[in-house]
Amino acid sequence: MPRSLTAPAALGDDLAALRAHFAPLLERIRDGAVEREIERRLPHEEIRALDEAGFGTLRVPAEHGGPGVSIATLTALLVDLAAADSNVAHQYRSHLGFLESLRFQPAAVQEHWYPRVLAGATVGNASTERGGNRLGTLGTTLTAGADGTTRLNGTKYYSTGTIFADYTRVSAALEGQDGRRFAVVATDAPGVGIEDDWDGFGQKLTGTGTTVLEDVEVEDLAVLEREPRGVEATHEAAFFQHVLLAVLAGIARAARDDAAALVASRARTFNTGSGVPFREDPLILEAVGRIAAKAHSAEAIVERTARALDAGIAAATDPASGDPATGAGGLRGVDRAELEVEQAQISVPELALGAAQDLFLTVGASATSRTKAYDRHWRNAQTVATHNPIAFRARAIGDHLVNGTVPEGLNAIGDATSGSAASAPAVAGQEQGARA
């Protein structure tokens, strides 16, 4: 288990100070990103260095000894990290989502897990089942044994971050019951097998592989309950999607920076052009400016969703707010945050993909060289954008505006059956935004 070299409480919530603290690490991560991509080398060392510098502790509340940073501050740092390497930022999604969930757990559970996180431990994700589970159900089970122990069995796919983490959080059903819950188990526990077998064309280094669980013993305080459509479930579903938006914004910024660097250093031109260096050509400069505008817009939208998530938590935890029971307009604060995230899910992917695509309008065919790996920006953005079908998000927004339907975050993936959309039980927490 890694040990944080930085006292978490000393990190504070000042964005400028935090950026200065993590800047040397981000520079190293950025410098090695292309080499890791070409060699398909998982960023174990880079992630361990960030863990030791306290990145994984940022959302631990101050009252529990953590930095207690806001989601807005965390988001700015996530965008910075994603601009350096979107794979590294993406794999923290699972750990950070666990910390969001932990805020709503009983005190005994918090007192069990917060000290581990403050000591540098991280938590991955093992939620998705590729097939065989009906929408609203799970094939992975928790079984209470005659000896008083609880055992976990199942196979999970797309286990982002688990291969880098000390623990993984597994969605499971209690054998013989319909309820859904999470079990958090050590990644090196007997019976846990982790494979690096993610074969997607983007985000290749996120550790999004298969996790096999065979009769794994679960600690008493490692089974976390989940109330369907409760405040915790609604907030975490929105937060999980928000992290992906921050990753996309970081990819757009990286495309912008690469475009500017390419144009600034290019000497060759075309006879069909103006005859001046690319750095002086108005058409090329316009192309760079359009990329920059898309990156700027993506970041601005993500900043807004971060503020909405912070406001949702504040309303949910303030007894005087009247939230979460009703809220203004029939929406709780966490519902309003979900709506903000859903709208961002329609626009931010398009902006990031556009920035990554337009990078190739700034130079010639030399930009397609595999040694430069500029194509990774588009591949990574496209991969992240597939996590939650955009058409479903747009429909939900329209349904809310026209019919007043309360938005619902992505919380279950499974095999469809006749009438499943209307009859499937609400299962918050089966999978917050998985790859389908």
Protein backbone atom coordinates (compact mmCIF):
# COMPACT_ATOMS: atom_id res chain seq x y z
CA MET A 1 0.00 0.00 0.00
CA PRO A 2 1.44 3.42 -0.94
CA ARG A 3 2.10 5.94 1.79
CA SER A 4 1.39 9.59 1.17
CA LEU A 5 4.57 11.63 1.41
CA THR A 6 2.54 14.81 1.75
CA ALA A 7 0.41 15.41 4.85
CA PRO A 8 -3.08 15.53 3.27
CA ALA A 9 -4.44 18.22 5.58
CA ALA A 10 -1.52 20.47 4.61
CA LEU A 11 -2.55 20.47 0.95
CA GLY A 12 -5.49 22.79 1.56
CA ASP A 13 -8.07 23.98 -0.99
CA ASP A 14 -6.12 26.79 -2.66
CA LEU A 15 -6.03 25.99 -6.38
CA ALA A 16 -2.89 27.98 -7.14
CA ALA A 17 -0.97 26.28 -4.32
CA LEU A 18 -2.22 22.84 -5.36
CA ARG A 19 -1.24 23.46 -8.97
CA ALA A 20 2.24 24.45 -7.86
CA HIS A 21 2.44 21.32 -5.69
CA PHE A 22 1.49 18.93 -8.50
CA ALA A 23 3.17 20.81 -11.39
CA PRO A 24 6.47 18.87 -11.39
CA LEU A 25 4.61 15.56 -11.45
CA LEU A 26 2.30 16.68 -14.24
CA GLU A 27 5.29 17.80 -16.29
CA ARG A 28 6.87 14.36 -15.93
CA ILE A 29 3.59 12.66 -16.82
CA ARG A 30 3.17 14.87 -19.89
CA ASP A 31 6.74 14.28 -21.05
CA GLY A 32 6.29 10.50 -21.00
CA ALA A 33 2.77 10.32 -22.42
CA VAL A 34 3.68 9.66 -26.06
CA GLU A 35 6.27 7.02 -25.17
CA ARG A 36 3.81 5.20 -22.91
CA GLU A 37 1.17 5.33 -25.63
CA ILE A 38 3.47 3.88 -28.29
CA GLU A 39 4.86 1.19 -26.00
CA ARG A 40 1.52 0.53 -24.31
CA ARG A 41 3.15 0.84 -20.92
CA LEU A 42 0.75 1.23 -18.02
CA PRO A 43 1.52 4.33 -15.89
CA HIS A 44 2.11 2.51 -12.60
CA GLU A 45 5.02 4.72 -11.54
CA GLU A 46 3.26 7.94 -12.48
CA ILE A 47 0.10 7.04 -10.57
CA ARG A 48 2.08 5.93 -7.53
CA ALA A 49 3.89 9.28 -7.50
CA LEU A 50 0.58 11.14 -7.60
CA ASP A 51 -0.79 8.96 -4.80
CA GLU A 52 2.24 9.70 -2.67
CA ALA A 53 1.81 13.42 -3.38
CA GLY A 54 -1.75 13.22 -2.02
CA PHE A 55 -3.82 13.41 -5.20
CA GLY A 56 -6.07 10.58 -4.05
CA THR A 57 -6.81 12.32 -0.75
CA LEU A 58 -8.09 15.61 -2.16
CA ARG A 59 -11.79 14.95 -1.55
CA VAL A 60 -11.39 13.55 1.96
CA PRO A 61 -13.32 16.04 4.15
CA ALA A 62 -11.34 18.33 6.42
CA GLU A 63 -13.19 17.00 9.48
CA HIS A 64 -11.68 13.60 8.71
CA GLY A 65 -8.15 14.96 8.31
CA GLY A 66 -8.18 15.50 4.57
CA PRO A 67 -7.62 18.55 2.35
CA GLY A 68 -11.38 18.92 1.85
CA VAL A 69 -11.08 20.45 -1.60
CA SER A 70 -14.23 21.43 -3.45
CA ILE A 71 -15.34 19.61 -6.58
CA ALA A 72 -14.61 22.81 -8.50
CA THR A 73 -10.99 22.78 -7.31
CA LEU A 74 -10.64 19.06 -7.93
CA THR A 75 -12.05 19.50 -11.44
CA ALA A 76 -9.48 22.12 -12.37
CA LEU A 77 -6.73 19.73 -11.27
CA LEU A 78 -8.33 16.83 -13.15
CA VAL A 79 -8.37 18.90 -16.34
CA ASP A 80 -4.69 19.71 -15.79
CA LEU A 81 -3.93 16.02 -15.29
CA ALA A 82 -5.99 14.94 -18.31
CA ALA A 83 -4.16 17.47 -20.47
CA ALA A 84 -0.92 15.79 -19.40
CA ASP A 85 -2.26 12.22 -19.86
CA SER A 86 -5.97 11.48 -20.11
CA ASN A 87 -5.38 7.85 -19.13
CA VAL A 88 -4.02 8.81 -15.72
CA ALA A 89 -6.84 11.24 -15.01
CA HIS A 90 -9.48 8.75 -16.15
CA GLN A 91 -8.34 5.93 -13.87
CA TYR A 92 -8.81 8.19 -10.81
CA ARG A 93 -12.52 8.32 -11.60
CA SER A 94 -13.18 5.09 -9.72
CA HIS A 95 -11.29 6.16 -6.60
CA LEU A 96 -12.81 9.63 -6.53
CA GLY A 97 -16.29 8.19 -7.03
CA PHE A 98 -15.72 5.93 -4.02
CA LEU A 99 -14.84 9.00 -1.94
CA GLU A 100 -18.03 10.76 -3.05
CA SER A 101 -20.05 7.73 -1.97
CA LEU A 102 -18.19 7.52 1.33
CA ARG A 103 -19.49 10.96 2.33
CA PHE A 104 -22.95 9.46 2.74
CA GLN A 105 -21.98 6.24 4.51
CA PRO A 106 -22.44 5.59 8.26
CA ALA A 107 -19.79 6.98 10.61
CA ALA A 108 -18.33 3.52 11.31
CA VAL A 109 -17.74 2.94 7.61
CA GLN A 110 -16.15 6.37 7.20
CA GLU A 111 -13.88 5.82 10.18
CA HIS A 112 -12.81 2.51 8.67
CA TRP A 113 -11.96 3.81 5.17
CA TYR A 114 -10.87 7.45 5.46
CA PRO A 115 -7.67 6.62 7.37
CA ARG A 116 -6.70 4.11 4.69
CA VAL A 117 -7.19 6.69 1.97
CA LEU A 118 -5.23 9.28 3.95
CA ALA A 119 -2.41 6.75 4.19
CA GLY A 120 -2.31 6.61 0.39
CA ALA A 121 -4.62 3.72 -0.48
CA THR A 122 -6.78 3.95 -3.61
CA VAL A 123 -9.92 2.15 -4.74
CA GLY A 124 -10.71 0.91 -8.24
CA ASN A 125 -13.99 -0.07 -9.85
CA ALA A 126 -15.48 -3.45 -10.76
CA SER A 127 -19.12 -2.99 -11.72
CA THR A 128 -19.95 -3.97 -15.27
CA GLU A 129 -21.01 -7.45 -16.33
CA ARG A 130 -20.67 -7.96 -20.04
CA GLY A 131 -23.81 -10.07 -20.47
CA GLY A 132 -26.18 -12.50 -18.83
CA ASN A 133 -27.49 -10.10 -16.24
CA ARG A 134 -30.94 -8.68 -16.88
CA LEU A 135 -31.17 -4.90 -16.64
CA GLY A 136 -31.58 -4.14 -12.95
CA THR A 137 -29.93 -7.35 -11.76
CA LEU A 138 -26.40 -8.61 -11.15
CA GLY A 139 -24.72 -11.97 -11.53
CA THR A 140 -22.05 -11.16 -8.96
CA THR A 141 -23.15 -12.30 -5.49
CA LEU A 142 -22.37 -11.90 -1.82
CA THR A 143 -22.97 -15.06 0.21
CA ALA A 144 -23.09 -15.30 4.01
CA GLY A 145 -21.32 -18.46 5.16
CA ALA A 146 -22.10 -20.67 8.15
CA ASP A 147 -18.82 -19.53 9.72
CA GLY A 148 -20.03 -15.91 9.75
CA THR A 149 -17.90 -14.76 6.83
CA THR A 150 -19.22 -13.12 3.68
CA ARG A 151 -17.88 -14.33 0.33
CA LEU A 152 -17.90 -12.59 -3.05
CA ASN A 153 -18.11 -14.35 -6.42
CA GLY A 154 -18.43 -13.04 -9.97
CA THR A 155 -16.68 -11.67 -13.04
CA LYS A 156 -16.50 -7.99 -13.90
CA TYR A 157 -15.35 -6.21 -17.04
CA TYR A 158 -14.12 -2.69 -17.77
CA SER A 159 -12.61 -2.45 -14.27
CA THR A 160 -11.05 0.97 -14.76
CA GLY A 161 -8.29 1.78 -12.29
CA THR A 162 -8.41 -1.54 -10.42
CA ILE A 163 -5.05 -2.74 -11.69
CA PHE A 164 -3.39 0.33 -10.10
CA ALA A 165 -5.39 0.32 -6.86
CA ASP A 166 -5.10 -1.28 -3.43
CA TYR A 167 -8.82 -2.07 -3.32
CA THR A 168 -11.65 -2.38 -5.78
CA ARG A 169 -15.32 -1.62 -5.20
CA VAL A 170 -17.55 -4.37 -6.61
CA SER A 171 -21.27 -4.07 -7.28
CA ALA A 172 -23.02 -7.23 -6.09
CA ALA A 173 -26.34 -8.73 -5.05
CA LEU A 174 -26.87 -10.48 -1.72
CA GLU A 175 -27.58 -14.08 -2.64
CA GLY A 176 -31.31 -14.75 -2.69
CA GLN A 177 -32.25 -11.07 -2.42
CA ASP A 178 -33.00 -8.30 -4.89
CA GLY A 179 -31.07 -5.53 -3.10
CA ARG A 180 -27.90 -4.10 -4.58
CA ARG A 181 -24.82 -3.03 -2.68
CA PHE A 182 -21.04 -2.64 -3.00
CA ALA A 183 -18.28 -4.82 -1.59
CA VAL A 184 -14.79 -3.32 -1.26
CA VAL A 185 -12.01 -5.91 -1.40
CA ALA A 186 -8.23 -5.76 -1.56
CA THR A 187 -6.87 -6.27 -5.06
CA ASP A 188 -4.25 -8.68 -3.70
CA ALA A 189 -6.74 -10.68 -1.62
CA PRO A 190 -6.94 -14.46 -2.22
CA GLY A 191 -9.39 -15.15 -5.02
CA VAL A 192 -9.01 -11.79 -6.80
CA GLY A 193 -7.66 -11.95 -10.34
CA ILE A 194 -7.03 -8.86 -12.47
CA GLU A 195 -6.24 -8.90 -16.19
CA ASP A 196 -5.03 -6.08 -18.43
CA ASP A 197 -7.19 -7.13 -21.39
CA TRP A 198 -8.94 -3.89 -22.42
CA ASP A 199 -8.85 -3.86 -26.24
CA GLY A 200 -10.41 -0.48 -27.04
CA PHE A 201 -8.67 1.81 -29.54
CA GLY A 202 -8.52 4.64 -27.00
CA GLN A 203 -7.75 5.16 -23.32
CA LYS A 204 -5.55 2.09 -23.63
CA LEU A 205 -3.66 2.68 -20.39
CA THR A 206 -6.52 3.06 -17.91
CA GLY A 207 -6.28 -0.51 -16.60
CA THR A 208 -9.78 -1.18 -17.89
CA GLY A 209 -9.58 -4.96 -17.79
CA THR A 210 -11.34 -7.99 -16.36
CA THR A 211 -11.63 -8.72 -12.64
CA VAL A 212 -12.45 -12.26 -11.52
CA LEU A 213 -13.67 -12.82 -7.95
CA GLU A 214 -13.65 -16.36 -6.61
CA ASP A 215 -14.83 -16.91 -3.05
CA VAL A 216 -13.25 -13.65 -1.86
CA GLU A 217 -13.72 -12.91 1.84
CA VAL A 218 -15.24 -9.49 2.55
CA GLU A 219 -14.65 -7.41 5.70
CA ASP A 220 -17.65 -6.48 7.84
CA LEU A 221 -17.26 -2.74 7.16
CA ALA A 222 -16.60 -3.29 3.46
CA VAL A 223 -20.19 -3.98 2.40
CA LEU A 224 -21.74 -0.63 1.52
CA GLU A 225 -25.49 -0.25 1.20
CA ARG A 226 -27.08 1.88 -1.51
CA GLU A 227 -30.56 3.42 -1.59
CA PRO A 228 -31.87 3.52 -5.17
CA ARG A 229 -32.33 7.13 -6.31
CA GLY A 230 -31.21 8.37 -2.91
CA VAL A 231 -29.01 11.44 -2.54
CA GLU A 232 -25.81 9.37 -2.54
CA ALA A 233 -26.74 7.39 -5.63
CA THR A 234 -27.89 10.45 -7.56
CA HIS A 235 -24.85 12.51 -6.64
CA GLU A 236 -22.32 9.80 -7.42
CA ALA A 237 -23.90 8.96 -10.78
CA ALA A 238 -23.59 12.62 -11.79
CA PHE A 239 -20.07 12.86 -10.38
CA PHE A 240 -18.92 9.77 -12.31
CA GLN A 241 -20.06 11.37 -15.56
CA HIS A 242 -18.58 14.73 -14.56
CA VAL A 243 -15.11 13.22 -14.21
CA LEU A 244 -15.37 12.01 -17.81
CA LEU A 245 -16.26 15.54 -18.88
CA ALA A 246 -13.15 16.84 -17.11
CA VAL A 247 -11.08 14.24 -18.95
CA LEU A 248 -12.57 15.38 -22.27
CA ALA A 249 -11.80 19.01 -21.45
CA GLY A 250 -8.22 18.03 -20.71
CA ILE A 251 -7.96 16.21 -24.04
CA ALA A 252 -9.23 19.31 -25.84
CA ARG A 253 -6.60 21.42 -24.07
CA ALA A 254 -3.87 18.95 -25.03
CA ALA A 255 -4.97 19.13 -28.68
CA ARG A 256 -4.84 22.92 -28.47
CA ASP A 257 -1.34 22.91 -27.00
CA ASP A 258 -0.06 20.41 -29.56
CA ALA A 259 -1.56 22.45 -32.40
CA ALA A 260 0.10 25.64 -31.19
CA ALA A 261 3.46 23.92 -30.74
CA LEU A 262 3.25 22.31 -34.18
CA VAL A 263 2.53 25.57 -35.96
CA ALA A 264 5.13 27.54 -34.01
CA SER A 265 7.91 25.12 -34.98
CA ARG A 266 6.98 24.34 -38.60
CA ALA A 267 9.21 25.72 -41.36
CA ARG A 268 7.79 23.89 -44.41
CA THR A 269 4.83 25.24 -46.36
CA PHE A 270 2.91 24.55 -49.57
CA ASN A 271 2.94 26.36 -52.90
CA THR A 272 -0.85 26.53 -52.63
CA GLY A 273 -0.52 28.57 -49.44
CA SER A 274 0.44 32.16 -48.81
CA GLY A 275 4.17 31.48 -48.94
CA VAL A 276 4.78 32.67 -45.40
CA PRO A 277 5.70 30.44 -42.42
CA PHE A 278 2.74 28.68 -40.85
CA ARG A 279 3.14 30.73 -37.69
CA GLU A 280 2.31 33.82 -39.79
CA ASP A 281 -0.33 32.34 -42.09
CA PRO A 282 -3.75 33.77 -41.17
CA LEU A 283 -5.67 30.64 -42.22
CA ILE A 284 -3.50 28.38 -40.09
CA LEU A 285 -3.69 30.79 -37.17
CA GLU A 286 -7.47 30.79 -37.52
CA ALA A 287 -7.48 26.98 -37.31
CA VAL A 288 -5.46 27.12 -34.09
CA GLY A 289 -7.80 29.79 -32.73
CA ARG A 290 -10.86 27.62 -33.40
CA ILE A 291 -9.25 24.69 -31.58
CA ALA A 292 -8.50 26.99 -28.65
CA ALA A 293 -12.11 28.21 -28.58
CA LYS A 294 -13.42 24.65 -28.42
CA ALA A 295 -11.03 23.80 -25.58
CA HIS A 296 -12.02 26.97 -23.75
CA SER A 297 -15.72 26.21 -24.12
CA ALA A 298 -15.28 22.66 -22.88
CA GLU A 299 -13.45 23.84 -19.77
CA ALA A 300 -16.03 26.55 -19.08
CA ILE A 301 -18.87 24.03 -19.23
CA VAL A 302 -17.05 21.61 -16.94
CA GLU A 303 -16.41 24.39 -14.43
CA ARG A 304 -20.16 25.05 -14.36
CA THR A 305 -21.05 21.40 -13.76
CA ALA A 306 -18.49 21.28 -10.94
CA ARG A 307 -20.15 24.23 -9.23
CA ALA A 308 -23.54 22.55 -9.62
CA LEU A 309 -22.21 19.38 -7.97
CA ASP A 310 -20.78 21.40 -5.08
CA ALA A 311 -24.14 23.15 -4.66
CA GLY A 312 -25.96 19.82 -4.73
CA ILE A 313 -23.87 18.42 -1.89
CA ALA A 314 -24.22 21.65 0.11
CA ALA A 315 -28.01 21.52 -0.22
CA ALA A 316 -28.15 17.82 0.68
CA THR A 317 -26.09 18.27 3.84
CA ASP A 318 -27.66 21.51 5.09
CA PRO A 319 -30.71 20.74 7.25
CA ALA A 320 -31.98 24.29 6.81
CA SER A 321 -32.15 24.04 3.01
CA GLY A 322 -35.26 21.88 2.84
CA ASP A 323 -33.25 19.60 0.58
CA PRO A 324 -33.15 16.68 -0.23
CA ALA A 325 -36.86 16.12 0.43
CA THR A 326 -38.26 18.56 -2.12
CA GLY A 327 -36.08 21.37 -3.37
CA ALA A 328 -37.08 24.21 -5.69
CA GLY A 329 -39.25 23.16 -8.60
CA GLY A 330 -39.53 19.63 -7.24
CA LEU A 331 -35.82 18.98 -7.80
CA ARG A 332 -33.25 18.28 -5.12
CA GLY A 333 -29.88 19.95 -5.45
CA VAL A 334 -28.37 16.66 -6.62
CA ASP A 335 -31.07 16.39 -9.29
CA ARG A 336 -30.23 19.86 -10.57
CA ALA A 337 -26.57 18.84 -10.72
CA GLU A 338 -27.50 15.71 -12.66
CA LEU A 339 -29.38 17.88 -15.15
CA GLU A 340 -26.35 20.15 -15.57
CA VAL A 341 -24.13 17.14 -16.19
CA GLU A 342 -26.55 15.64 -18.72
CA GLN A 343 -26.57 18.86 -20.74
CA ALA A 344 -22.78 19.00 -20.62
CA GLN A 345 -22.61 15.41 -21.86
CA ILE A 346 -24.17 16.53 -25.12
CA SER A 347 -21.83 19.45 -25.80
CA VAL A 348 -18.43 18.65 -24.25
CA PRO A 349 -17.74 15.45 -26.24
CA GLU A 350 -18.46 17.28 -29.49
CA LEU A 351 -16.10 20.10 -28.50
CA ALA A 352 -13.29 17.73 -27.51
CA LEU A 353 -13.65 15.58 -30.61
CA GLY A 354 -13.71 18.70 -32.76
CA ALA A 355 -10.53 20.04 -31.17
CA ALA A 356 -8.76 16.71 -31.63
CA GLN A 357 -9.89 16.42 -35.25
CA ASP A 358 -8.99 20.00 -36.15
CA LEU A 359 -5.45 19.47 -34.91
CA PHE A 360 -4.79 17.84 -38.28
CA LEU A 361 -5.92 20.97 -40.14
CA THR A 362 -2.93 22.92 -38.85
CA VAL A 363 -0.14 20.99 -40.62
CA GLY A 364 0.33 18.34 -43.28
CA ALA A 365 0.57 14.57 -43.46
CA SER A 366 3.58 14.59 -41.13
CA ALA A 367 1.14 14.96 -38.24
CA THR A 368 -0.08 11.42 -38.87
CA SER A 369 3.27 9.89 -37.95
CA ARG A 370 2.75 7.18 -35.33
CA THR A 371 5.82 8.40 -33.45
CA LYS A 372 3.98 11.63 -32.66
CA ALA A 373 0.77 9.88 -31.56
CA TYR A 374 -1.39 12.93 -32.21
CA ASP A 375 -4.21 10.57 -33.12
CA ARG A 376 -4.45 9.54 -29.47
CA HIS A 377 -6.37 12.72 -28.67
CA TRP A 378 -9.23 11.82 -31.02
CA ARG A 379 -9.17 8.11 -30.09
CA ASN A 380 -9.18 8.90 -26.40
CA ALA A 381 -11.94 11.50 -26.70
CA GLN A 382 -14.10 9.16 -28.76
CA THR A 383 -13.62 6.36 -26.24
CA VAL A 384 -14.56 8.55 -23.28
CA ALA A 385 -17.56 9.92 -25.17
CA THR A 386 -19.06 6.42 -25.56
CA HIS A 387 -19.54 5.85 -21.83
CA ASN A 388 -23.10 7.13 -21.70
CA PRO A 389 -25.14 7.25 -24.94
CA ILE A 390 -25.61 10.92 -25.78
CA ALA A 391 -28.98 10.28 -27.40
CA PHE A 392 -30.35 9.05 -24.06
CA ARG A 393 -29.08 12.14 -22.27
CA ALA A 394 -30.65 14.47 -24.84
CA ARG A 395 -33.97 12.63 -24.54
CA ALA A 396 -33.88 12.95 -20.73
CA ILE A 397 -33.31 16.71 -20.94
CA GLY A 398 -36.19 17.11 -23.36
CA ASP A 399 -38.40 14.97 -21.14
CA HIS A 400 -37.59 17.18 -18.17
CA LEU A 401 -38.23 20.44 -20.00
CA VAL A 402 -41.46 19.28 -21.65
CA ASN A 403 -42.92 16.95 -19.04
CA GLY A 404 -41.14 17.89 -15.81
CA THR A 405 -39.63 14.42 -15.46
CA VAL A 406 -36.94 14.28 -12.77
CA PRO A 407 -33.62 13.38 -14.43
CA GLU A 408 -32.06 10.03 -13.55
CA GLY A 409 -28.35 9.31 -13.75
CA LEU A 410 -26.89 6.23 -15.39
CA ASN A 411 -26.89 3.52 -12.74
CA ALA A 412 -27.62 0.19 -14.40
CA ILE A 413 -26.55 -1.73 -17.49
CA GLY A 414 -27.85 -5.16 -18.42
CA ASP A 415 -29.69 -7.26 -20.96
CA ALA A 416 -32.95 -5.74 -22.17
CA THR A 417 -36.21 -7.64 -21.83
CA SER A 418 -39.70 -6.85 -23.05
CA GLY A 419 -40.94 -3.83 -21.14
CA SER A 420 -37.67 -3.54 -19.20
CA ALA A 421 -37.58 0.23 -19.50
CA ALA A 422 -40.79 0.48 -17.56
CA SER A 423 -40.46 -2.45 -15.19
CA ALA A 424 -36.77 -2.83 -14.34
CA PRO A 425 -36.02 -1.93 -10.72
CA ALA A 426 -34.00 1.19 -10.09
CA VAL A 427 -30.51 0.01 -9.27
CA ALA A 428 -28.33 2.89 -8.26
CA GLY A 429 -24.72 1.88 -8.33
CA GLN A 430 -24.54 -1.10 -10.66
CA GLU A 431 -22.40 0.94 -12.96
CA GLN A 432 -21.85 4.67 -13.05
CA GLY A 433 -21.15 5.30 -16.71
CA ALA A 434 -19.56 2.10 -17.93
CA ARG A 435 -18.26 1.26 -21.34
CA ALA A 436 -21.09 -0.59 -23.01
